[in-house]
Amino acid sequence: MKAIQMFITIRGDAPEYLRSSFTFASDMHARLLRLSSNLQLYTPKPRLEIYRNTFVFSGSSVWSSLPSYIHNSDSGHHFKAQ
């Protein structure tokens, strides 16, 4: 369920306050790393254990763990099918 919500958020169908909570790794680094894709999210290291339970941390962790072919799904239906 969290992966589906992340797909909706990353694709721009979520409210701005939610979209603005996430940062793409490509925005953090001057050059793209060989293993990162354009849709890879930056996941900061949590200073507090409670931060691990937030949607920003767990959602970006789940999203970043998905293969790039799933990130590039054309629709929510296609995303769910994979």
PDB file of N, CA and C in Angstrom:
ATOM      1  N   MET A   1       0.822  -1.194   0.000  1.00  0.00           N
ATOM      2  CA  MET A   1       0.000   0.000   0.000  1.00  0.00           C
ATOM      3  C   MET A   1       0.871   1.266   0.000  1.00  0.00           C
ATOM      4  N   LYS A   2       1.963   1.239   0.754  1.00  0.00           N
ATOM      5  CA  LYS A   2       2.835   2.406   0.832  1.00  0.00           C
ATOM      6  C   LYS A   2       3.490   2.680  -0.517  1.00  0.00           C
ATOM      7  N   ALA A   3       3.836   1.624  -1.246  1.00  0.00           N
ATOM      8  CA  ALA A   3       4.453   1.797  -2.560  1.00  0.00           C
ATOM      9  C   ALA A   3       3.476   2.473  -3.520  1.00  0.00           C
ATOM     10  N   ILE A   4       2.203   2.126  -3.445  1.00  0.00           N
ATOM     11  CA  ILE A   4       1.191   2.733  -4.306  1.00  0.00           C
ATOM     12  C   ILE A   4       1.028   4.220  -3.974  1.00  0.00           C
ATOM     13  N   GLN A   5       1.006   4.529  -2.682  1.00  0.00           N
ATOM     14  CA  GLN A   5       0.914   5.936  -2.281  1.00  0.00           C
ATOM     15  C   GLN A   5       2.137   6.718  -2.743  1.00  0.00           C
ATOM     16  N   MET A   6       3.285   6.098  -2.704  1.00  0.00           N
ATOM     17  CA  MET A   6       4.497   6.753  -3.182  1.00  0.00           C
ATOM     18  C   MET A   6       4.429   6.989  -4.685  1.00  0.00           C
ATOM     19  N   PHE A   7       3.912   6.028  -5.437  1.00  0.00           N
ATOM     20  CA  PHE A   7       3.750   6.198  -6.889  1.00  0.00           C
ATOM     21  C   PHE A   7       2.867   7.414  -7.168  1.00  0.00           C
ATOM     22  N   ILE A   8       1.766   7.513  -6.458  1.00  0.00           N
ATOM     23  CA  ILE A   8       0.846   8.637  -6.634  1.00  0.00           C
ATOM     24  C   ILE A   8       1.535   9.954  -6.277  1.00  0.00           C
ATOM     25  N   THR A   9       2.314   9.937  -5.209  1.00  0.00           N
ATOM     26  CA  THR A   9       3.003  11.142  -4.753  1.00  0.00           C
ATOM     27  C   THR A   9       4.081  11.577  -5.742  1.00  0.00           C
ATOM     28  N   ILE A  10       4.913  10.645  -6.170  1.00  0.00           N
ATOM     29  CA  ILE A  10       6.019  10.956  -7.069  1.00  0.00           C
ATOM     30  C   ILE A  10       5.509  11.419  -8.437  1.00  0.00           C
ATOM     31  N   ARG A  11       4.423  10.836  -8.899  1.00  0.00           N
ATOM     32  CA  ARG A  11       3.873  11.192 -10.214  1.00  0.00           C
ATOM     33  C   ARG A  11       3.126  12.507 -10.207  1.00  0.00           C
ATOM     34  N   GLY A  12       2.984  13.146  -9.046  1.00  0.00           N
ATOM     35  CA  GLY A  12       2.386  14.468  -8.989  1.00  0.00           C
ATOM     36  C   GLY A  12       0.898  14.498  -8.734  1.00  0.00           C
ATOM     37  N   ASP A  13       0.293  13.388  -8.347  1.00  0.00           N
ATOM     38  CA  ASP A  13      -1.140  13.356  -8.104  1.00  0.00           C
ATOM     39  C   ASP A  13      -1.494  13.547  -6.632  1.00  0.00           C
ATOM     40  N   ALA A  14      -0.502  13.823  -5.804  1.00  0.00           N
ATOM     41  CA  ALA A  14      -0.726  14.054  -4.375  1.00  0.00           C
ATOM     42  C   ALA A  14      -0.665  15.556  -4.105  1.00  0.00           C
ATOM     43  N   PRO A  15      -1.182  15.979  -2.969  1.00  0.00           N
ATOM     44  CA  PRO A  15      -1.109  17.413  -2.626  1.00  0.00           C
ATOM     45  C   PRO A  15       0.342  17.900  -2.545  1.00  0.00           C
ATOM     46  N   GLU A  16       0.531  19.188  -2.772  1.00  0.00           N
ATOM     47  CA  GLU A  16       1.863  19.789  -2.791  1.00  0.00           C
ATOM     48  C   GLU A  16       2.606  19.598  -1.471  1.00  0.00           C
ATOM     49  N   TYR A  17       1.895  19.697  -0.336  1.00  0.00           N
ATOM     50  CA  TYR A  17       2.587  19.548   0.945  1.00  0.00           C
ATOM     51  C   TYR A  17       3.215  18.175   1.083  1.00  0.00           C
ATOM     52  N   LEU A  18       2.620  17.172   0.472  1.00  0.00           N
ATOM     53  CA  LEU A  18       3.161  15.818   0.531  1.00  0.00           C
ATOM     54  C   LEU A  18       4.311  15.652  -0.461  1.00  0.00           C
ATOM     55  N   ARG A  19       4.131  16.139  -1.678  1.00  0.00           N
ATOM     56  CA  ARG A  19       5.191  16.051  -2.695  1.00  0.00           C
ATOM     57  C   ARG A  19       6.441  16.795  -2.260  1.00  0.00           C
ATOM     58  N   SER A  20       6.279  17.925  -1.626  1.00  0.00           N
ATOM     59  CA  SER A  20       7.434  18.732  -1.239  1.00  0.00           C
ATOM     60  C   SER A  20       8.229  18.115  -0.091  1.00  0.00           C
ATOM     61  N   SER A  21       7.712  17.072   0.526  1.00  0.00           N
ATOM     62  CA  SER A  21       8.421  16.392   1.616  1.00  0.00           C
ATOM     63  C   SER A  21       9.544  15.496   1.109  1.00  0.00           C
ATOM     64  N   PHE A  22       9.540  15.187  -0.178  1.00  0.00           N
ATOM     65  CA  PHE A  22      10.511  14.261  -0.749  1.00  0.00           C
ATOM     66  C   PHE A  22      11.502  14.991  -1.640  1.00  0.00           C
ATOM     67  N   THR A  23      12.750  14.501  -1.628  1.00  0.00           N
ATOM     68  CA  THR A  23      13.816  15.079  -2.440  1.00  0.00           C
ATOM     69  C   THR A  23      14.425  13.981  -3.299  1.00  0.00           C
ATOM     70  N   PHE A  24      14.588  14.261  -4.579  1.00  0.00           N
ATOM     71  CA  PHE A  24      15.219  13.292  -5.462  1.00  0.00           C
ATOM     72  C   PHE A  24      16.724  13.297  -5.232  1.00  0.00           C
ATOM     73  N   ALA A  25      17.333  12.124  -5.314  1.00  0.00           N
ATOM     74  CA  ALA A  25      18.780  11.997  -5.123  1.00  0.00           C
ATOM     75  C   ALA A  25      19.521  12.836  -6.147  1.00  0.00           C
ATOM     76  N   SER A  26      18.986  12.947  -7.348  1.00  0.00           N
ATOM     77  CA  SER A  26      19.647  13.744  -8.394  1.00  0.00           C
ATOM     78  C   SER A  26      19.684  15.221  -8.034  1.00  0.00           C
ATOM     79  N   ASP A  27      18.759  15.686  -7.180  1.00  0.00           N
ATOM     80  CA  ASP A  27      18.770  17.077  -6.735  1.00  0.00           C
ATOM     81  C   ASP A  27      19.817  17.311  -5.645  1.00  0.00           C
ATOM     82  N   MET A  28      20.224  16.250  -4.975  1.00  0.00           N
ATOM     83  CA  MET A  28      21.181  16.354  -3.884  1.00  0.00           C
ATOM     84  C   MET A  28      22.626  16.275  -4.365  1.00  0.00           C
ATOM     85  N   HIS A  29      22.843  15.593  -5.467  1.00  0.00           N
ATOM     86  CA  HIS A  29      24.188  15.362  -5.959  1.00  0.00           C
ATOM     87  C   HIS A  29      24.399  16.108  -7.273  1.00  0.00           C
ATOM     88  N   ALA A  30      25.562  16.656  -7.443  1.00  0.00           N
ATOM     89  CA  ALA A  30      25.859  17.408  -8.663  1.00  0.00           C
ATOM     90  C   ALA A  30      25.835  16.519  -9.897  1.00  0.00           C
ATOM     91  N   ARG A  31      26.209  15.264  -9.721  1.00  0.00           N
ATOM     92  CA  ARG A  31      26.175  14.330 -10.854  1.00  0.00           C
ATOM     93  C   ARG A  31      25.438  13.075 -10.418  1.00  0.00           C
ATOM     94  N   LEU A  32      24.788  12.455 -11.360  1.00  0.00           N
ATOM     95  CA  LEU A  32      24.082  11.214 -11.065  1.00  0.00           C
ATOM     96  C   LEU A  32      25.085  10.084 -10.858  1.00  0.00           C
ATOM     97  N   LEU A  33      24.864   9.322  -9.866  1.00  0.00           N
ATOM     98  CA  LEU A  33      25.704   8.157  -9.651  1.00  0.00           C
ATOM     99  C   LEU A  33      25.327   7.062 -10.631  1.00  0.00           C
ATOM    100  N   ARG A  34      26.247   6.177 -10.894  1.00  0.00           N
ATOM    101  CA  ARG A  34      26.025   5.137 -11.892  1.00  0.00           C
ATOM    102  C   ARG A  34      24.798   4.280 -11.568  1.00  0.00           C
ATOM    103  N   LEU A  35      24.561   3.998 -10.304  1.00  0.00           N
ATOM    104  CA  LEU A  35      23.479   3.096  -9.928  1.00  0.00           C
ATOM    105  C   LEU A  35      22.166   3.809  -9.634  1.00  0.00           C
ATOM    106  N   SER A  36      22.143   5.119  -9.625  1.00  0.00           N
ATOM    107  CA  SER A  36      20.900   5.809  -9.293  1.00  0.00           C
ATOM    108  C   SER A  36      20.144   6.188 -10.563  1.00  0.00           C
ATOM    109  N   SER A  37      18.841   6.238 -10.445  1.00  0.00           N
ATOM    110  CA  SER A  37      18.006   6.647 -11.563  1.00  0.00           C
ATOM    111  C   SER A  37      17.460   8.038 -11.273  1.00  0.00           C
ATOM    112  N   ASN A  38      16.777   8.618 -12.232  1.00  0.00           N
ATOM    113  CA  ASN A  38      16.199   9.952 -12.053  1.00  0.00           C
ATOM    114  C   ASN A  38      15.097   9.970 -11.002  1.00  0.00           C
ATOM    115  N   LEU A  39      14.515   8.821 -10.716  1.00  0.00           N
ATOM    116  CA  LEU A  39      13.415   8.756  -9.757  1.00  0.00           C
ATOM    117  C   LEU A  39      13.836   8.191  -8.406  1.00  0.00           C
ATOM    118  N   GLN A  40      15.115   8.110  -8.154  1.00  0.00           N
ATOM    119  CA  GLN A  40      15.626   7.633  -6.871  1.00  0.00           C
ATOM    120  C   GLN A  40      15.476   8.751  -5.843  1.00  0.00           C
ATOM    121  N   LEU A  41      14.953   8.434  -4.662  1.00  0.00           N
ATOM    122  CA  LEU A  41      14.743   9.448  -3.639  1.00  0.00           C
ATOM    123  C   LEU A  41      15.900   9.490  -2.646  1.00  0.00           C
ATOM    124  N   TYR A  42      16.166  10.671  -2.157  1.00  0.00           N
ATOM    125  CA  TYR A  42      17.161  10.855  -1.113  1.00  0.00           C
ATOM    126  C   TYR A  42      16.519  10.461   0.217  1.00  0.00           C
ATOM    127  N   THR A  43      17.185   9.592   0.960  1.00  0.00           N
ATOM    128  CA  THR A  43      16.691   9.164   2.263  1.00  0.00           C
ATOM    129  C   THR A  43      17.717   9.561   3.320  1.00  0.00           C
ATOM    130  N   PRO A  44      17.424  10.597   4.092  1.00  0.00           N
ATOM    131  CA  PRO A  44      18.375  11.011   5.117  1.00  0.00           C
ATOM    132  C   PRO A  44      18.453   9.988   6.241  1.00  0.00           C
ATOM    133  N   LYS A  45      19.592   9.927   6.893  1.00  0.00           N
ATOM    134  CA  LYS A  45      19.744   9.029   8.029  1.00  0.00           C
ATOM    135  C   LYS A  45      18.963   9.604   9.205  1.00  0.00           C
ATOM    136  N   PRO A  46      18.143   8.776   9.839  1.00  0.00           N
ATOM    137  CA  PRO A  46      17.337   9.281  10.964  1.00  0.00           C
ATOM    138  C   PRO A  46      18.190   9.503  12.207  1.00  0.00           C
ATOM    139  N   ARG A  47      17.993  10.625  12.852  1.00  0.00           N
ATOM    140  CA  ARG A  47      18.688  10.902  14.116  1.00  0.00           C
ATOM    141  C   ARG A  47      17.918  10.319  15.282  1.00  0.00           C
ATOM    142  N   LEU A  48      16.622  10.219  15.114  1.00  0.00           N
ATOM    143  CA  LEU A  48      15.760   9.643  16.154  1.00  0.00           C
ATOM    144  C   LEU A  48      15.059   8.417  15.606  1.00  0.00           C
ATOM    145  N   GLU A  49      14.868   7.445  16.462  1.00  0.00           N
ATOM    146  CA  GLU A  49      14.209   6.203  16.052  1.00  0.00           C
ATOM    147  C   GLU A  49      12.777   6.461  15.590  1.00  0.00           C
ATOM    148  N   ILE A  50      12.115   7.415  16.175  1.00  0.00           N
ATOM    149  CA  ILE A  50      10.727   7.696  15.822  1.00  0.00           C
ATOM    150  C   ILE A  50      10.597   8.159  14.364  1.00  0.00           C
ATOM    151  N   TYR A  51      11.659   8.770  13.812  1.00  0.00           N
ATOM    152  CA  TYR A  51      11.632   9.231  12.421  1.00  0.00           C
ATOM    153  C   TYR A  51      11.492   8.064  11.442  1.00  0.00           C
ATOM    154  N   ARG A  52      11.974   6.879  11.832  1.00  0.00           N
ATOM    155  CA  ARG A  52      11.859   5.699  10.963  1.00  0.00           C
ATOM    156  C   ARG A  52      10.405   5.330  10.674  1.00  0.00           C
ATOM    157  N   ASN A  53       9.495   5.750  11.524  1.00  0.00           N
ATOM    158  CA  ASN A  53       8.080   5.427  11.363  1.00  0.00           C
ATOM    159  C   ASN A  53       7.308   6.447  10.540  1.00  0.00           C
ATOM    160  N   THR A  54       7.959   7.528  10.148  1.00  0.00           N
ATOM    161  CA  THR A  54       7.250   8.549   9.374  1.00  0.00           C
ATOM    162  C   THR A  54       7.093   8.119   7.916  1.00  0.00           C
ATOM    163  N   PHE A  55       6.097   8.689   7.265  1.00  0.00           N
ATOM    164  CA  PHE A  55       5.850   8.365   5.866  1.00  0.00           C
ATOM    165  C   PHE A  55       7.003   8.830   4.976  1.00  0.00           C
ATOM    166  N   VAL A  56       7.615   9.947   5.318  1.00  0.00           N
ATOM    167  CA  VAL A  56       8.717  10.463   4.505  1.00  0.00           C
ATOM    168  C   VAL A  56       9.883   9.470   4.497  1.00  0.00           C
ATOM    169  N   PHE A  57      10.268   8.985   5.653  1.00  0.00           N
ATOM    170  CA  PHE A  57      11.400   8.056   5.719  1.00  0.00           C
ATOM    171  C   PHE A  57      11.038   6.687   5.145  1.00  0.00           C
ATOM    172  N   SER A  58       9.951   6.078   5.656  1.00  0.00           N
ATOM    173  CA  SER A  58       9.617   4.723   5.204  1.00  0.00           C
ATOM    174  C   SER A  58       9.163   4.712   3.745  1.00  0.00           C
ATOM    175  N   GLY A  59       8.450   5.754   3.311  1.00  0.00           N
ATOM    176  CA  GLY A  59       8.012   5.822   1.920  1.00  0.00           C
ATOM    177  C   GLY A  59       9.174   5.961   0.961  1.00  0.00           C
ATOM    178  N   SER A  60      10.130   6.818   1.299  1.00  0.00           N
ATOM    179  CA  SER A  60      11.289   6.971   0.416  1.00  0.00           C
ATOM    180  C   SER A  60      12.160   5.722   0.424  1.00  0.00           C
ATOM    181  N   SER A  61      12.223   5.020   1.542  1.00  0.00           N
ATOM    182  CA  SER A  61      12.979   3.770   1.603  1.00  0.00           C
ATOM    183  C   SER A  61      12.337   2.700   0.726  1.00  0.00           C
ATOM    184  N   VAL A  62      11.014   2.586   0.820  1.00  0.00           N
ATOM    185  CA  VAL A  62      10.291   1.606  -0.002  1.00  0.00           C
ATOM    186  C   VAL A  62      10.447   1.950  -1.478  1.00  0.00           C
ATOM    187  N   TRP A  63      10.256   3.217  -1.821  1.00  0.00           N
ATOM    188  CA  TRP A  63      10.341   3.653  -3.223  1.00  0.00           C
ATOM    189  C   TRP A  63      11.727   3.396  -3.797  1.00  0.00           C
ATOM    190  N   SER A  64      12.752   3.735  -3.036  1.00  0.00           N
ATOM    191  CA  SER A  64      14.119   3.577  -3.521  1.00  0.00           C
ATOM    192  C   SER A  64      14.531   2.120  -3.650  1.00  0.00           C
ATOM    193  N   SER A  65      13.845   1.237  -2.959  1.00  0.00           N
ATOM    194  CA  SER A  65      14.178  -0.181  -3.047  1.00  0.00           C
ATOM    195  C   SER A  65      13.543  -0.862  -4.269  1.00  0.00           C
ATOM    196  N   LEU A  66      12.618  -0.176  -4.930  1.00  0.00           N
ATOM    197  CA  LEU A  66      11.962  -0.757  -6.108  1.00  0.00           C
ATOM    198  C   LEU A  66      12.865  -0.651  -7.336  1.00  0.00           C
ATOM    199  N   PRO A  67      12.793  -1.633  -8.231  1.00  0.00           N
ATOM    200  CA  PRO A  67      13.575  -1.556  -9.479  1.00  0.00           C
ATOM    201  C   PRO A  67      13.092  -0.410 -10.367  1.00  0.00           C
ATOM    202  N   SER A  68      13.960   0.092 -11.218  1.00  0.00           N
ATOM    203  CA  SER A  68      13.626   1.249 -12.048  1.00  0.00           C
ATOM    204  C   SER A  68      12.484   0.972 -13.022  1.00  0.00           C
ATOM    205  N   TYR A  69      12.344  -0.272 -13.501  1.00  0.00           N
ATOM    206  CA  TYR A  69      11.237  -0.544 -14.432  1.00  0.00           C
ATOM    207  C   TYR A  69       9.881  -0.379 -13.751  1.00  0.00           C
ATOM    208  N   ILE A  70       9.831  -0.537 -12.448  1.00  0.00           N
ATOM    209  CA  ILE A  70       8.579  -0.301 -11.722  1.00  0.00           C
ATOM    210  C   ILE A  70       8.375   1.198 -11.526  1.00  0.00           C
ATOM    211  N   HIS A  71       9.440   1.939 -11.244  1.00  0.00           N
ATOM    212  CA  HIS A  71       9.345   3.403 -11.137  1.00  0.00           C
ATOM    213  C   HIS A  71       8.767   3.999 -12.412  1.00  0.00           C
ATOM    214  N   ASN A  72       9.102   3.427 -13.549  1.00  0.00           N
ATOM    215  CA  ASN A  72       8.724   3.979 -14.850  1.00  0.00           C
ATOM    216  C   ASN A  72       7.382   3.474 -15.365  1.00  0.00           C
ATOM    217  N   SER A  73       6.562   2.906 -14.509  1.00  0.00           N
ATOM    218  CA  SER A  73       5.242   2.425 -14.920  1.00  0.00           C
ATOM    219  C   SER A  73       4.415   3.574 -15.483  1.00  0.00           C
ATOM    220  N   ASP A  74       3.605   3.262 -16.483  1.00  0.00           N
ATOM    221  CA  ASP A  74       2.802   4.282 -17.153  1.00  0.00           C
ATOM    222  C   ASP A  74       1.589   4.738 -16.350  1.00  0.00           C
ATOM    223  N   SER A  75       1.036   3.840 -15.532  1.00  0.00           N
ATOM    224  CA  SER A  75      -0.179   4.174 -14.799  1.00  0.00           C
ATOM    225  C   SER A  75      -0.191   3.453 -13.459  1.00  0.00           C
ATOM    226  N   GLY A  76      -1.111   3.883 -12.609  1.00  0.00           N
ATOM    227  CA  GLY A  76      -1.265   3.228 -11.316  1.00  0.00           C
ATOM    228  C   GLY A  76      -1.679   1.776 -11.466  1.00  0.00           C
ATOM    229  N   HIS A  77      -2.506   1.494 -12.464  1.00  0.00           N
ATOM    230  CA  HIS A  77      -2.942   0.115 -12.704  1.00  0.00           C
ATOM    231  C   HIS A  77      -1.756  -0.760 -13.099  1.00  0.00           C
ATOM    232  N   HIS A  78      -0.920  -0.252 -13.985  1.00  0.00           N
ATOM    233  CA  HIS A  78       0.268  -0.990 -14.419  1.00  0.00           C
ATOM    234  C   HIS A  78       1.244  -1.152 -13.249  1.00  0.00           C
ATOM    235  N   PHE A  79       1.367  -0.132 -12.411  1.00  0.00           N
ATOM    236  CA  PHE A  79       2.233  -0.196 -11.239  1.00  0.00           C
ATOM    237  C   PHE A  79       1.766  -1.299 -10.281  1.00  0.00           C
ATOM    238  N   LYS A  80       0.462  -1.333 -10.012  1.00  0.00           N
ATOM    239  CA  LYS A  80      -0.088  -2.353  -9.104  1.00  0.00           C
ATOM    240  C   LYS A  80       0.102  -3.758  -9.643  1.00  0.00           C
ATOM    241  N   ALA A  81       0.020  -3.896 -10.962  1.00  0.00           N
ATOM    242  CA  ALA A  81       0.134  -5.238 -11.571  1.00  0.00           C
ATOM    243  C   ALA A  81       1.554  -5.800 -11.425  1.00  0.00           C
ATOM    244  N   GLN A  82       2.515  -4.915 -11.278  1.00  0.00           N
ATOM    245  CA  GLN A  82       3.894  -5.391 -11.171  1.00  0.00           C
ATOM    246  C   GLN A  82       4.219  -5.649  -9.734  1.00  0.00           C
TER     247      GLN A  82
END
